[in-house]
């Protein structure tokens, strides 16, 4: 089972998808974090600009 010989080709294909799933989860999680981080930065800069204009 460790070498992927159990179940033939369909099992090997399944092992590939299961093996790649942590990488896919990492990438999608990073992208979600990046958009959230970038959004906070843009909002904070907008607030700083609007507050500096009031002084």
Protein backbone atom coordinates (compact mmCIF):
# COMPACT_ATOMS: atom_id res chain seq x y z
CA UNK A 1 0.00 0.00 0.00
CA UNK A 2 2.89 2.40 0.71
CA UNK A 3 4.26 2.04 -2.81
CA UNK A 4 0.90 2.55 -4.52
CA UNK A 5 0.68 -0.97 -5.91
CA UNK A 6 -2.58 -1.69 -4.06
CA UNK A 7 -5.61 -1.06 -6.29
CA UNK A 8 -3.81 -0.30 -9.53
CA UNK A 9 -3.80 2.95 -11.48
CA UNK A 10 -6.95 4.52 -9.94
CA UNK A 11 -5.41 4.24 -6.48
CA UNK A 12 -2.17 5.81 -7.68
CA UNK A 13 -4.09 8.73 -9.15
CA UNK A 14 -5.98 9.12 -5.88
CA UNK A 15 -2.67 9.09 -3.97
CA UNK A 16 -1.38 11.92 -6.19
CA UNK A 17 -4.43 14.09 -5.45
CA UNK A 18 -4.28 13.33 -1.73
CA UNK A 19 -0.56 14.10 -1.73
CA UNK A 20 -1.03 17.44 -3.49
CA UNK A 21 -3.97 18.59 -1.38
CA UNK A 22 -1.81 20.16 1.41
CA UNK A 23 -0.01 22.26 -1.21
CA UNK A 24 -3.29 23.37 -2.75
CA UNK A 25 -4.71 24.22 0.68
CA UNK A 26 -1.57 26.20 1.52
CA UNK A 27 -1.72 28.19 -1.72
CA UNK A 28 -5.42 29.00 -1.44
CA UNK A 29 -5.02 29.94 2.23
CA UNK A 30 -2.11 32.25 1.39
CA UNK A 31 -4.09 33.92 -1.39
CA UNK A 32 -7.05 34.49 0.94
CA UNK A 33 -4.72 35.91 3.61
CA UNK A 34 -2.98 38.16 1.07
CA UNK A 35 -6.24 39.69 -0.15
CA UNK A 36 -7.34 40.29 3.44
CA UNK A 37 -3.95 41.78 4.39
CA UNK A 38 -3.88 43.97 1.29
CA UNK A 39 -7.42 45.16 1.95
CA UNK A 40 -6.56 46.26 5.49
CA UNK A 41 -3.50 48.13 4.23
CA UNK A 42 -5.51 50.00 1.59
CA UNK A 43 -8.22 50.89 4.13
CA UNK A 44 -5.70 52.12 6.71
CA UNK A 45 -3.94 54.29 4.12
CA UNK A 46 -7.28 55.75 3.03
CA UNK A 47 -8.13 56.57 6.65
CA UNK A 48 -4.70 58.19 7.16
CA UNK A 49 -5.12 60.33 4.02
CA UNK A 50 -8.65 61.42 4.94
CA UNK A 51 -7.61 62.28 8.52
CA UNK A 52 -4.57 64.25 7.38
CA UNK A 53 -6.76 66.34 5.08
CA UNK A 54 -8.97 67.40 8.00
CA UNK A 55 -6.07 68.97 9.95
